[in-house]
Amino acid sequence: MLKLLSNPLSPYGRKVKMTLGMKGLGDKVEIVAVDTNPGDNAEINSANPLGKIPALIVDANTAIFDSHVICEYLDSLAPAPVLFPKSGPERWKTLVLASLADGILDAALLLVYEKRFRPEEKWHPVWQQRQQAKIDRGLDHLEKSPPAWGASPDYGHLTLAAALGYLDFRHEGKWRAAHPQLISWLDRFAKAVPAFEATRPKA
């Protein structure tokens, strides 16, 4: 059985767990909760030298990371739905959307870490504003034309859902005030992908 090292609150782990749900692979993967703080967790450090989650242990000699690579690997294990188009414009469209959503997520996580790991007197307002601007520009871009899907959402869509879910969870859902189209989009995604609600983090 495959083993997923993650954390119940990790948005990157949530991407992988949504992939498991969408691909019907939940019974083939053992999910093990790990903590990366402090940084001397031998289990995650041996699986991923960077000490980051999620990591998927395939066998005694093979571990796969990060979340994008894990999701694409899992996509290869079951035929449907296809989360990563194999070639052509649809593949690049999926990957670019995922990259944008991951960028929003990365900036949102950095803002959380700034307050969690640095004393307030060392917070850097200009740096914080720069990260928030990345989030705002990304959301404003998506608000103009929320990404549609055909038969089923793909990896780009689930990455965006994970990012918006993280903004709800750690940023008090402030994004919602100016983005009604994305609110409707996320509601549609949640109806299409039950794994979204099933993987919702609980503080």
N, C-alpha and C. Protein backbone atom coordinates (compact mmCIF):
# COMPACT_ATOMS: atom_id res chain seq x y z
N MET A 1 0.84 -1.20 0.00
CA MET A 1 0.00 0.00 0.00
C MET A 1 0.88 1.25 0.00
N LEU A 2 0.48 2.25 -0.77
CA LEU A 2 1.17 3.53 -0.78
C LEU A 2 0.95 4.24 0.56
N LYS A 3 1.88 5.10 0.92
CA LYS A 3 1.76 5.86 2.17
C LYS A 3 1.94 7.34 1.87
N LEU A 4 0.94 8.14 2.26
CA LEU A 4 1.01 9.58 2.07
C LEU A 4 1.34 10.24 3.40
N LEU A 5 2.48 10.93 3.43
CA LEU A 5 2.85 11.73 4.60
C LEU A 5 2.32 13.14 4.38
N SER A 6 1.45 13.58 5.25
CA SER A 6 0.83 14.88 5.08
C SER A 6 0.43 15.41 6.45
N ASN A 7 -0.40 16.43 6.42
CA ASN A 7 -0.93 17.01 7.65
C ASN A 7 -2.37 17.40 7.37
N PRO A 8 -3.29 17.16 8.30
CA PRO A 8 -4.70 17.47 8.04
C PRO A 8 -4.96 18.92 7.67
N LEU A 9 -4.05 19.84 8.03
CA LEU A 9 -4.28 21.26 7.77
C LEU A 9 -3.53 21.76 6.53
N SER A 10 -2.76 20.90 5.89
CA SER A 10 -1.95 21.33 4.75
C SER A 10 -2.79 21.49 3.49
N PRO A 11 -2.79 22.66 2.85
CA PRO A 11 -3.52 22.82 1.60
C PRO A 11 -2.91 22.02 0.46
N TYR A 12 -1.60 21.79 0.52
CA TYR A 12 -0.95 20.99 -0.51
C TYR A 12 -1.33 19.52 -0.34
N GLY A 13 -1.38 19.09 0.90
CA GLY A 13 -1.88 17.74 1.17
C GLY A 13 -3.33 17.59 0.76
N ARG A 14 -4.10 18.66 0.92
CA ARG A 14 -5.50 18.61 0.52
C ARG A 14 -5.64 18.38 -0.98
N LYS A 15 -4.76 18.99 -1.77
CA LYS A 15 -4.76 18.74 -3.22
C LYS A 15 -4.64 17.25 -3.51
N VAL A 16 -3.69 16.61 -2.81
CA VAL A 16 -3.46 15.18 -3.03
C VAL A 16 -4.67 14.37 -2.58
N LYS A 17 -5.23 14.73 -1.45
CA LYS A 17 -6.39 13.99 -0.94
C LYS A 17 -7.60 14.16 -1.85
N MET A 18 -7.77 15.35 -2.42
CA MET A 18 -8.85 15.52 -3.39
C MET A 18 -8.60 14.66 -4.63
N THR A 19 -7.35 14.58 -5.04
CA THR A 19 -7.02 13.71 -6.18
C THR A 19 -7.35 12.27 -5.87
N LEU A 20 -7.01 11.82 -4.68
CA LEU A 20 -7.35 10.44 -4.28
C LEU A 20 -8.86 10.21 -4.37
N GLY A 21 -9.63 11.17 -3.88
CA GLY A 21 -11.07 11.02 -3.93
C GLY A 21 -11.61 11.01 -5.34
N MET A 22 -11.12 11.92 -6.18
CA MET A 22 -11.61 12.01 -7.55
C MET A 22 -11.25 10.77 -8.36
N LYS A 23 -10.09 10.18 -8.07
CA LYS A 23 -9.63 9.01 -8.82
C LYS A 23 -10.07 7.69 -8.20
N GLY A 24 -10.75 7.74 -7.05
CA GLY A 24 -11.20 6.50 -6.42
C GLY A 24 -10.07 5.65 -5.87
N LEU A 25 -9.02 6.31 -5.38
CA LEU A 25 -7.84 5.59 -4.92
C LEU A 25 -7.68 5.61 -3.40
N GLY A 26 -8.69 6.07 -2.70
CA GLY A 26 -8.56 6.23 -1.26
C GLY A 26 -8.19 4.96 -0.53
N ASP A 27 -8.64 3.80 -1.01
CA ASP A 27 -8.36 2.55 -0.32
C ASP A 27 -6.98 1.99 -0.64
N LYS A 28 -6.25 2.67 -1.51
CA LYS A 28 -4.92 2.20 -1.90
C LYS A 28 -3.80 3.00 -1.25
N VAL A 29 -4.18 4.01 -0.45
CA VAL A 29 -3.17 4.89 0.14
C VAL A 29 -3.44 5.05 1.63
N GLU A 30 -2.44 4.76 2.43
CA GLU A 30 -2.50 5.03 3.87
C GLU A 30 -2.06 6.46 4.11
N ILE A 31 -2.89 7.24 4.78
CA ILE A 31 -2.55 8.64 5.06
C ILE A 31 -2.00 8.74 6.48
N VAL A 32 -0.78 9.24 6.58
CA VAL A 32 -0.10 9.35 7.86
C VAL A 32 0.12 10.82 8.18
N ALA A 33 -0.40 11.27 9.32
CA ALA A 33 -0.25 12.66 9.73
C ALA A 33 1.14 12.88 10.29
N VAL A 34 1.84 13.87 9.75
CA VAL A 34 3.18 14.21 10.23
C VAL A 34 3.25 15.71 10.48
N ASP A 35 4.18 16.10 11.32
CA ASP A 35 4.40 17.51 11.62
C ASP A 35 5.82 17.87 11.19
N THR A 36 5.96 18.95 10.45
CA THR A 36 7.28 19.37 9.98
C THR A 36 7.95 20.36 10.93
N ASN A 37 7.33 20.64 12.06
CA ASN A 37 7.92 21.54 13.05
C ASN A 37 8.04 20.82 14.39
N PRO A 38 9.24 20.78 14.98
CA PRO A 38 10.48 21.33 14.43
C PRO A 38 10.97 20.54 13.22
N GLY A 39 12.08 20.97 12.64
CA GLY A 39 12.50 20.40 11.37
C GLY A 39 13.29 19.12 11.44
N ASP A 40 13.21 18.40 12.56
CA ASP A 40 14.01 17.19 12.71
C ASP A 40 13.15 15.92 12.66
N ASN A 41 11.99 16.00 11.98
CA ASN A 41 11.12 14.83 11.86
C ASN A 41 11.76 13.85 10.89
N ALA A 42 12.28 12.76 11.42
CA ALA A 42 13.05 11.81 10.61
C ALA A 42 12.20 11.17 9.53
N GLU A 43 10.92 10.96 9.81
CA GLU A 43 10.06 10.28 8.84
C GLU A 43 9.90 11.09 7.56
N ILE A 44 9.58 12.37 7.70
CA ILE A 44 9.41 13.19 6.49
C ILE A 44 10.76 13.54 5.88
N ASN A 45 11.79 13.76 6.69
CA ASN A 45 13.09 14.12 6.14
C ASN A 45 13.73 12.99 5.35
N SER A 46 13.43 11.76 5.73
CA SER A 46 13.98 10.64 4.97
C SER A 46 13.22 10.43 3.66
N ALA A 47 11.94 10.78 3.66
CA ALA A 47 11.14 10.65 2.43
C ALA A 47 11.41 11.80 1.48
N ASN A 48 11.56 13.00 2.02
CA ASN A 48 11.81 14.19 1.22
C ASN A 48 12.94 14.97 1.90
N PRO A 49 14.13 15.01 1.31
CA PRO A 49 15.26 15.71 1.94
C PRO A 49 14.97 17.17 2.25
N LEU A 50 13.97 17.75 1.57
CA LEU A 50 13.60 19.14 1.83
C LEU A 50 12.77 19.28 3.10
N GLY A 51 12.31 18.15 3.64
CA GLY A 51 11.52 18.18 4.86
C GLY A 51 10.15 18.77 4.67
N LYS A 52 9.58 18.64 3.48
CA LYS A 52 8.29 19.25 3.16
C LYS A 52 7.23 18.19 2.90
N ILE A 53 6.00 18.54 3.24
CA ILE A 53 4.88 17.68 2.94
C ILE A 53 4.05 18.32 1.82
N PRO A 54 3.31 17.46 1.11
CA PRO A 54 3.17 16.03 1.24
C PRO A 54 4.29 15.28 0.53
N ALA A 55 4.47 14.03 0.94
CA ALA A 55 5.37 13.10 0.26
C ALA A 55 4.65 11.76 0.17
N LEU A 56 4.77 11.11 -0.97
CA LEU A 56 4.12 9.82 -1.19
C LEU A 56 5.19 8.74 -1.25
N ILE A 57 5.14 7.83 -0.29
CA ILE A 57 6.09 6.72 -0.27
C ILE A 57 5.52 5.58 -1.10
N VAL A 58 6.20 5.27 -2.18
CA VAL A 58 5.74 4.23 -3.11
C VAL A 58 6.25 2.86 -2.68
N ASP A 59 7.53 2.79 -2.32
CA ASP A 59 8.13 1.57 -1.80
C ASP A 59 9.35 1.96 -1.00
N ALA A 60 10.13 0.95 -0.58
CA ALA A 60 11.26 1.21 0.30
C ALA A 60 12.31 2.11 -0.33
N ASN A 61 12.32 2.18 -1.64
CA ASN A 61 13.36 2.94 -2.34
C ASN A 61 12.84 4.17 -3.06
N THR A 62 11.52 4.40 -3.04
CA THR A 62 10.97 5.46 -3.87
C THR A 62 9.96 6.30 -3.10
N ALA A 63 10.19 7.60 -3.10
CA ALA A 63 9.22 8.56 -2.58
C ALA A 63 9.03 9.66 -3.61
N ILE A 64 7.81 10.15 -3.72
CA ILE A 64 7.46 11.15 -4.72
C ILE A 64 7.02 12.43 -4.02
N PHE A 65 7.51 13.55 -4.48
CA PHE A 65 7.12 14.86 -3.97
C PHE A 65 7.41 15.86 -5.08
N ASP A 66 6.78 17.04 -5.15
CA ASP A 66 5.86 17.66 -4.25
C ASP A 66 4.41 17.34 -4.66
N SER A 67 3.44 18.21 -4.26
CA SER A 67 2.03 17.88 -4.49
C SER A 67 1.69 17.75 -5.98
N HIS A 68 2.26 18.60 -6.82
CA HIS A 68 1.99 18.50 -8.27
C HIS A 68 2.43 17.15 -8.79
N VAL A 69 3.65 16.75 -8.46
CA VAL A 69 4.18 15.49 -8.96
C VAL A 69 3.38 14.31 -8.42
N ILE A 70 3.02 14.37 -7.14
CA ILE A 70 2.21 13.30 -6.55
C ILE A 70 0.88 13.18 -7.27
N CYS A 71 0.22 14.32 -7.51
CA CYS A 71 -1.09 14.29 -8.17
C CYS A 71 -0.99 13.73 -9.58
N GLU A 72 0.07 14.09 -10.30
CA GLU A 72 0.21 13.55 -11.65
C GLU A 72 0.50 12.06 -11.61
N TYR A 73 1.28 11.63 -10.64
CA TYR A 73 1.53 10.19 -10.48
C TYR A 73 0.22 9.45 -10.20
N LEU A 74 -0.57 9.97 -9.26
CA LEU A 74 -1.84 9.32 -8.93
C LEU A 74 -2.78 9.32 -10.13
N ASP A 75 -2.73 10.37 -10.93
CA ASP A 75 -3.58 10.43 -12.13
C ASP A 75 -3.26 9.29 -13.08
N SER A 76 -2.00 8.84 -13.06
CA SER A 76 -1.59 7.75 -13.96
C SER A 76 -2.07 6.38 -13.50
N LEU A 77 -2.57 6.28 -12.27
CA LEU A 77 -2.93 4.98 -11.71
C LEU A 77 -4.36 4.56 -12.02
N ALA A 78 -5.20 5.48 -12.46
CA ALA A 78 -6.59 5.15 -12.77
C ALA A 78 -7.00 5.97 -13.99
N PRO A 79 -7.81 5.40 -14.88
CA PRO A 79 -8.08 6.05 -16.16
C PRO A 79 -8.96 7.30 -16.10
N ALA A 80 -9.85 7.37 -15.13
CA ALA A 80 -10.81 8.48 -15.15
C ALA A 80 -11.12 8.94 -13.72
N PRO A 81 -11.44 10.23 -13.60
CA PRO A 81 -11.38 11.26 -14.63
C PRO A 81 -9.93 11.65 -14.91
N VAL A 82 -9.68 12.21 -16.07
CA VAL A 82 -8.33 12.65 -16.43
C VAL A 82 -8.08 14.01 -15.81
N LEU A 83 -7.11 14.07 -14.91
CA LEU A 83 -6.79 15.33 -14.24
C LEU A 83 -5.69 16.11 -14.96
N PHE A 84 -4.83 15.40 -15.66
CA PHE A 84 -3.74 16.02 -16.43
C PHE A 84 -3.88 15.63 -17.89
N PRO A 85 -4.41 16.52 -18.73
CA PRO A 85 -4.44 16.22 -20.16
C PRO A 85 -3.03 15.86 -20.64
N LYS A 86 -2.95 14.89 -21.55
CA LYS A 86 -1.66 14.35 -21.93
C LYS A 86 -0.85 15.26 -22.84
N SER A 87 -1.52 16.06 -23.65
CA SER A 87 -0.78 16.89 -24.61
C SER A 87 -1.68 18.01 -25.12
N GLY A 88 -1.04 18.89 -25.89
CA GLY A 88 -1.80 19.93 -26.58
C GLY A 88 -2.20 21.09 -25.69
N PRO A 89 -3.00 22.00 -26.24
CA PRO A 89 -3.39 23.23 -25.52
C PRO A 89 -4.07 22.96 -24.19
N GLU A 90 -4.86 21.88 -24.09
CA GLU A 90 -5.57 21.61 -22.84
C GLU A 90 -4.59 21.32 -21.71
N ARG A 91 -3.50 20.64 -22.02
CA ARG A 91 -2.51 20.36 -20.98
C ARG A 91 -1.90 21.66 -20.46
N TRP A 92 -1.50 22.53 -21.35
CA TRP A 92 -0.87 23.78 -20.91
C TRP A 92 -1.87 24.67 -20.18
N LYS A 93 -3.11 24.64 -20.61
CA LYS A 93 -4.14 25.41 -19.92
C LYS A 93 -4.29 24.93 -18.48
N THR A 94 -4.30 23.62 -18.30
CA THR A 94 -4.41 23.04 -16.97
C THR A 94 -3.21 23.41 -16.11
N LEU A 95 -2.01 23.28 -16.66
CA LEU A 95 -0.80 23.53 -15.88
C LEU A 95 -0.64 25.00 -15.53
N VAL A 96 -1.02 25.88 -16.45
CA VAL A 96 -0.91 27.32 -16.16
C VAL A 96 -1.90 27.72 -15.07
N LEU A 97 -3.12 27.21 -15.13
CA LEU A 97 -4.10 27.49 -14.08
C LEU A 97 -3.58 26.98 -12.74
N ALA A 98 -3.03 25.77 -12.74
CA ALA A 98 -2.50 25.22 -11.49
C ALA A 98 -1.34 26.06 -10.97
N SER A 99 -0.49 26.55 -11.88
CA SER A 99 0.63 27.38 -11.46
C SER A 99 0.15 28.69 -10.84
N LEU A 100 -0.87 29.29 -11.44
CA LEU A 100 -1.44 30.52 -10.88
C LEU A 100 -2.04 30.26 -9.51
N ALA A 101 -2.80 29.18 -9.39
CA ALA A 101 -3.43 28.86 -8.11
C ALA A 101 -2.39 28.52 -7.05
N ASP A 102 -1.33 27.79 -7.44
CA ASP A 102 -0.26 27.50 -6.49
C ASP A 102 0.44 28.78 -6.05
N GLY A 103 0.60 29.74 -6.97
CA GLY A 103 1.22 31.01 -6.61
C GLY A 103 0.40 31.78 -5.59
N ILE A 104 -0.92 31.77 -5.77
CA ILE A 104 -1.82 32.38 -4.79
C ILE A 104 -1.67 31.68 -3.44
N LEU A 105 -1.65 30.37 -3.48
CA LEU A 105 -1.53 29.57 -2.27
C LEU A 105 -0.19 29.81 -1.58
N ASP A 106 0.89 29.85 -2.36
CA ASP A 106 2.21 30.08 -1.78
C ASP A 106 2.27 31.43 -1.06
N ALA A 107 1.74 32.48 -1.70
CA ALA A 107 1.76 33.80 -1.09
C ALA A 107 0.92 33.83 0.18
N ALA A 108 -0.23 33.17 0.15
CA ALA A 108 -1.10 33.12 1.32
C ALA A 108 -0.42 32.39 2.48
N LEU A 109 0.29 31.32 2.16
CA LEU A 109 0.99 30.56 3.19
C LEU A 109 2.15 31.37 3.78
N LEU A 110 2.87 32.10 2.94
CA LEU A 110 3.97 32.92 3.43
C LEU A 110 3.47 34.00 4.40
N LEU A 111 2.31 34.56 4.12
CA LEU A 111 1.75 35.56 5.04
C LEU A 111 1.42 34.94 6.39
N VAL A 112 0.92 33.72 6.37
CA VAL A 112 0.64 33.02 7.63
C VAL A 112 1.94 32.76 8.38
N TYR A 113 2.95 32.28 7.66
CA TYR A 113 4.23 31.96 8.30
C TYR A 113 4.91 33.20 8.87
N GLU A 114 4.76 34.34 8.18
CA GLU A 114 5.36 35.58 8.68
C GLU A 114 4.89 35.88 10.10
N LYS A 115 3.60 35.70 10.34
CA LYS A 115 3.06 36.00 11.67
C LYS A 115 3.26 34.85 12.66
N ARG A 116 3.38 33.64 12.13
CA ARG A 116 3.51 32.49 13.02
C ARG A 116 4.94 32.33 13.54
N PHE A 117 5.92 32.63 12.70
CA PHE A 117 7.29 32.28 13.05
C PHE A 117 8.20 33.49 13.31
N ARG A 118 7.69 34.70 13.09
CA ARG A 118 8.50 35.89 13.34
C ARG A 118 7.81 36.77 14.39
N PRO A 119 8.57 37.32 15.32
CA PRO A 119 7.96 38.23 16.30
C PRO A 119 7.42 39.46 15.60
N GLU A 120 6.38 40.05 16.17
CA GLU A 120 5.68 41.15 15.49
C GLU A 120 6.60 42.31 15.15
N GLU A 121 7.57 42.58 15.99
CA GLU A 121 8.46 43.72 15.71
C GLU A 121 9.34 43.48 14.48
N LYS A 122 9.38 42.25 14.01
CA LYS A 122 10.18 41.94 12.81
C LYS A 122 9.31 41.70 11.57
N TRP A 123 8.01 41.87 11.70
CA TRP A 123 7.17 41.77 10.51
C TRP A 123 7.56 42.86 9.52
N HIS A 124 7.48 42.54 8.25
CA HIS A 124 7.93 43.47 7.20
C HIS A 124 6.73 43.89 6.37
N PRO A 125 6.14 45.05 6.66
CA PRO A 125 4.90 45.46 5.98
C PRO A 125 5.01 45.51 4.45
N VAL A 126 6.12 45.99 3.94
CA VAL A 126 6.27 46.08 2.49
C VAL A 126 6.26 44.69 1.87
N TRP A 127 6.95 43.75 2.50
CA TRP A 127 6.97 42.37 2.02
C TRP A 127 5.57 41.76 2.12
N GLN A 128 4.87 42.01 3.22
CA GLN A 128 3.52 41.49 3.38
C GLN A 128 2.60 42.05 2.28
N GLN A 129 2.72 43.33 2.00
CA GLN A 129 1.90 43.94 0.96
C GLN A 129 2.19 43.33 -0.40
N ARG A 130 3.45 42.99 -0.63
CA ARG A 130 3.81 42.38 -1.91
C ARG A 130 3.17 41.01 -2.07
N GLN A 131 3.17 40.22 -1.00
CA GLN A 131 2.52 38.91 -1.07
C GLN A 131 1.01 39.05 -1.25
N GLN A 132 0.41 39.99 -0.54
CA GLN A 132 -1.03 40.19 -0.67
C GLN A 132 -1.38 40.65 -2.07
N ALA A 133 -0.53 41.47 -2.67
CA ALA A 133 -0.78 41.94 -4.04
C ALA A 133 -0.78 40.78 -5.03
N LYS A 134 0.08 39.79 -4.81
CA LYS A 134 0.08 38.61 -5.67
C LYS A 134 -1.27 37.90 -5.60
N ILE A 135 -1.76 37.74 -4.38
CA ILE A 135 -3.05 37.08 -4.18
C ILE A 135 -4.15 37.88 -4.87
N ASP A 136 -4.16 39.18 -4.63
CA ASP A 136 -5.23 40.02 -5.16
C ASP A 136 -5.22 40.03 -6.69
N ARG A 137 -4.05 40.15 -7.30
CA ARG A 137 -3.97 40.16 -8.76
C ARG A 137 -4.43 38.83 -9.33
N GLY A 138 -4.00 37.74 -8.69
CA GLY A 138 -4.41 36.42 -9.17
C GLY A 138 -5.92 36.23 -9.11
N LEU A 139 -6.51 36.61 -7.99
CA LEU A 139 -7.96 36.47 -7.84
C LEU A 139 -8.71 37.38 -8.80
N ASP A 140 -8.24 38.61 -8.97
CA ASP A 140 -8.91 39.54 -9.89
C ASP A 140 -8.85 39.02 -11.32
N HIS A 141 -7.74 38.43 -11.69
CA HIS A 141 -7.60 37.84 -13.02
C HIS A 141 -8.61 36.70 -13.22
N LEU A 142 -8.75 35.85 -12.23
CA LEU A 142 -9.67 34.71 -12.32
C LEU A 142 -11.12 35.14 -12.23
N GLU A 143 -11.39 36.20 -11.49
CA GLU A 143 -12.75 36.70 -11.35
C GLU A 143 -13.34 37.11 -12.69
N LYS A 144 -12.50 37.61 -13.60
CA LYS A 144 -12.99 38.06 -14.90
C LYS A 144 -13.57 36.91 -15.72
N SER A 145 -13.00 35.73 -15.57
CA SER A 145 -13.46 34.58 -16.34
C SER A 145 -13.09 33.30 -15.59
N PRO A 146 -13.91 32.92 -14.59
CA PRO A 146 -13.61 31.71 -13.82
C PRO A 146 -13.47 30.50 -14.74
N PRO A 147 -12.49 29.63 -14.48
CA PRO A 147 -12.17 28.54 -15.39
C PRO A 147 -13.24 27.45 -15.43
N ALA A 148 -13.81 27.25 -16.60
CA ALA A 148 -14.83 26.22 -16.78
C ALA A 148 -14.18 24.85 -16.97
N TRP A 149 -14.97 23.81 -16.80
CA TRP A 149 -14.50 22.46 -17.10
C TRP A 149 -15.53 21.75 -17.95
N GLY A 150 -15.10 20.64 -18.54
CA GLY A 150 -15.98 19.85 -19.38
C GLY A 150 -16.67 18.77 -18.56
N ALA A 151 -16.29 17.52 -18.81
CA ALA A 151 -16.92 16.40 -18.12
C ALA A 151 -16.61 16.41 -16.63
N SER A 152 -15.43 16.86 -16.27
CA SER A 152 -15.03 16.84 -14.87
C SER A 152 -13.93 17.86 -14.64
N PRO A 153 -13.84 18.44 -13.44
CA PRO A 153 -12.71 19.33 -13.13
C PRO A 153 -11.38 18.59 -13.26
N ASP A 154 -10.33 19.36 -13.58
CA ASP A 154 -9.01 18.76 -13.71
C ASP A 154 -8.09 19.27 -12.60
N TYR A 155 -6.79 19.01 -12.75
CA TYR A 155 -5.84 19.37 -11.72
C TYR A 155 -5.77 20.88 -11.49
N GLY A 156 -5.89 21.66 -12.54
CA GLY A 156 -5.90 23.10 -12.38
C GLY A 156 -7.05 23.56 -11.52
N HIS A 157 -8.22 22.99 -11.76
CA HIS A 157 -9.41 23.38 -10.99
C HIS A 157 -9.27 22.98 -9.52
N LEU A 158 -8.77 21.76 -9.27
CA LEU A 158 -8.69 21.35 -7.86
C LEU A 158 -7.62 22.14 -7.11
N THR A 159 -6.59 22.60 -7.83
CA THR A 159 -5.58 23.44 -7.20
C THR A 159 -6.17 24.79 -6.83
N LEU A 160 -6.96 25.35 -7.72
CA LEU A 160 -7.63 26.61 -7.40
C LEU A 160 -8.58 26.44 -6.22
N ALA A 161 -9.32 25.35 -6.19
CA ALA A 161 -10.23 25.10 -5.07
C ALA A 161 -9.46 25.00 -3.76
N ALA A 162 -8.31 24.34 -3.78
CA ALA A 162 -7.49 24.24 -2.57
C ALA A 162 -7.00 25.62 -2.13
N ALA A 163 -6.64 26.47 -3.09
CA ALA A 163 -6.16 27.81 -2.75
C ALA A 163 -7.28 28.65 -2.13
N LEU A 164 -8.47 28.61 -2.74
CA LEU A 164 -9.59 29.37 -2.19
C LEU A 164 -10.00 28.81 -0.82
N GLY A 165 -9.94 27.51 -0.69
CA GLY A 165 -10.24 26.91 0.61
C GLY A 165 -9.26 27.36 1.68
N TYR A 166 -7.99 27.51 1.31
CA TYR A 166 -7.00 27.98 2.27
C TYR A 166 -7.24 29.43 2.65
N LEU A 167 -7.65 30.24 1.68
CA LEU A 167 -7.97 31.64 1.99
C LEU A 167 -9.17 31.73 2.93
N ASP A 168 -10.10 30.81 2.80
CA ASP A 168 -11.21 30.74 3.75
C ASP A 168 -10.72 30.33 5.14
N PHE A 169 -9.84 29.35 5.17
CA PHE A 169 -9.42 28.73 6.42
C PHE A 169 -8.46 29.60 7.22
N ARG A 170 -7.48 30.19 6.54
CA ARG A 170 -6.43 30.93 7.25
C ARG A 170 -6.51 32.45 7.08
N HIS A 171 -7.29 32.91 6.10
CA HIS A 171 -7.37 34.36 5.85
C HIS A 171 -8.79 34.89 6.01
N GLU A 172 -9.59 34.15 6.78
CA GLU A 172 -10.92 34.60 7.19
C GLU A 172 -11.87 34.87 6.02
N GLY A 173 -11.59 34.27 4.88
CA GLY A 173 -12.49 34.41 3.74
C GLY A 173 -12.63 35.83 3.23
N LYS A 174 -11.63 36.67 3.48
CA LYS A 174 -11.73 38.07 3.06
C LYS A 174 -11.80 38.22 1.54
N TRP A 175 -11.28 37.24 0.81
CA TRP A 175 -11.30 37.28 -0.65
C TRP A 175 -12.71 37.34 -1.21
N ARG A 176 -13.68 36.86 -0.45
CA ARG A 176 -15.04 36.71 -0.96
C ARG A 176 -15.72 38.06 -1.24
N ALA A 177 -15.34 39.10 -0.51
CA ALA A 177 -16.05 40.38 -0.63
C ALA A 177 -16.00 40.94 -2.04
N ALA A 178 -14.92 40.72 -2.76
CA ALA A 178 -14.75 41.33 -4.09
C ALA A 178 -14.79 40.33 -5.24
N HIS A 179 -15.18 39.07 -4.95
CA HIS A 179 -15.07 38.05 -6.00
C HIS A 179 -16.31 37.14 -6.05
N PRO A 180 -17.46 37.70 -6.37
CA PRO A 180 -18.69 36.90 -6.40
C PRO A 180 -18.66 35.78 -7.44
N GLN A 181 -17.99 36.01 -8.57
CA GLN A 181 -17.93 34.96 -9.59
C GLN A 181 -17.13 33.77 -9.09
N LEU A 182 -16.06 34.03 -8.36
CA LEU A 182 -15.27 32.92 -7.82
C LEU A 182 -16.00 32.20 -6.70
N ILE A 183 -16.81 32.93 -5.95
CA ILE A 183 -17.64 32.26 -4.93
C ILE A 183 -18.57 31.26 -5.60
N SER A 184 -19.24 31.68 -6.66
CA SER A 184 -20.14 30.78 -7.39
C SER A 184 -19.36 29.63 -7.99
N TRP A 185 -18.17 29.93 -8.49
CA TRP A 185 -17.33 28.88 -9.08
C TRP A 185 -16.99 27.82 -8.04
N LEU A 186 -16.59 28.27 -6.84
CA LEU A 186 -16.21 27.32 -5.79
C LEU A 186 -17.41 26.49 -5.34
N ASP A 187 -18.58 27.10 -5.30
CA ASP A 187 -19.79 26.33 -4.95
C ASP A 187 -20.05 25.23 -5.99
N ARG A 188 -19.86 25.56 -7.27
CA ARG A 188 -20.05 24.56 -8.32
C ARG A 188 -19.01 23.45 -8.21
N PHE A 189 -17.78 23.83 -7.92
CA PHE A 189 -16.73 22.83 -7.76
C PHE A 189 -17.06 21.89 -6.61
N ALA A 190 -17.49 22.45 -5.49
CA ALA A 190 -17.81 21.61 -4.32
C ALA A 190 -18.92 20.61 -4.62
N LYS A 191 -19.89 21.01 -5.46
CA LYS A 191 -20.96 20.08 -5.85
C LYS A 191 -20.44 19.00 -6.78
N ALA A 192 -19.51 19.37 -7.65
CA ALA A 192 -18.98 18.41 -8.62
C ALA A 192 -17.96 17.47 -8.01
N VAL A 193 -17.30 17.91 -6.94
CA VAL A 193 -16.21 17.13 -6.33
C VAL A 193 -16.48 16.97 -4.83
N PRO A 194 -17.17 15.91 -4.43
CA PRO A 194 -17.45 15.70 -3.01
C PRO A 194 -16.19 15.67 -2.14
N ALA A 195 -15.06 15.32 -2.73
CA ALA A 195 -13.81 15.26 -1.97
C ALA A 195 -13.40 16.63 -1.44
N PHE A 196 -13.93 17.70 -2.03
CA PHE A 196 -13.59 19.03 -1.52
C PHE A 196 -14.10 19.20 -0.10
N GLU A 197 -15.35 18.88 0.13
CA GLU A 197 -15.92 19.00 1.46
C GLU A 197 -15.34 17.95 2.39
N ALA A 198 -15.09 16.75 1.86
CA ALA A 198 -14.57 15.67 2.68
C ALA A 198 -13.17 15.96 3.21
N THR A 199 -12.42 16.82 2.51
CA THR A 199 -11.06 17.13 2.93
C THR A 199 -10.94 18.50 3.60
N ARG A 200 -12.06 19.11 3.91
CA ARG A 200 -12.03 20.45 4.52
C ARG A 200 -11.27 20.38 5.85
N PRO A 201 -10.26 21.25 6.05
CA PRO A 201 -9.50 21.21 7.30
C PRO A 201 -10.34 21.71 8.47
N LYS A 202 -10.05 21.16 9.62
CA LYS A 202 -10.73 21.56 10.86
C LYS A 202 -9.66 21.99 11.86
N ALA A 203 -9.75 23.24 12.26
CA ALA A 203 -8.75 23.80 13.18
C ALA A 203 -8.82 23.10 14.53
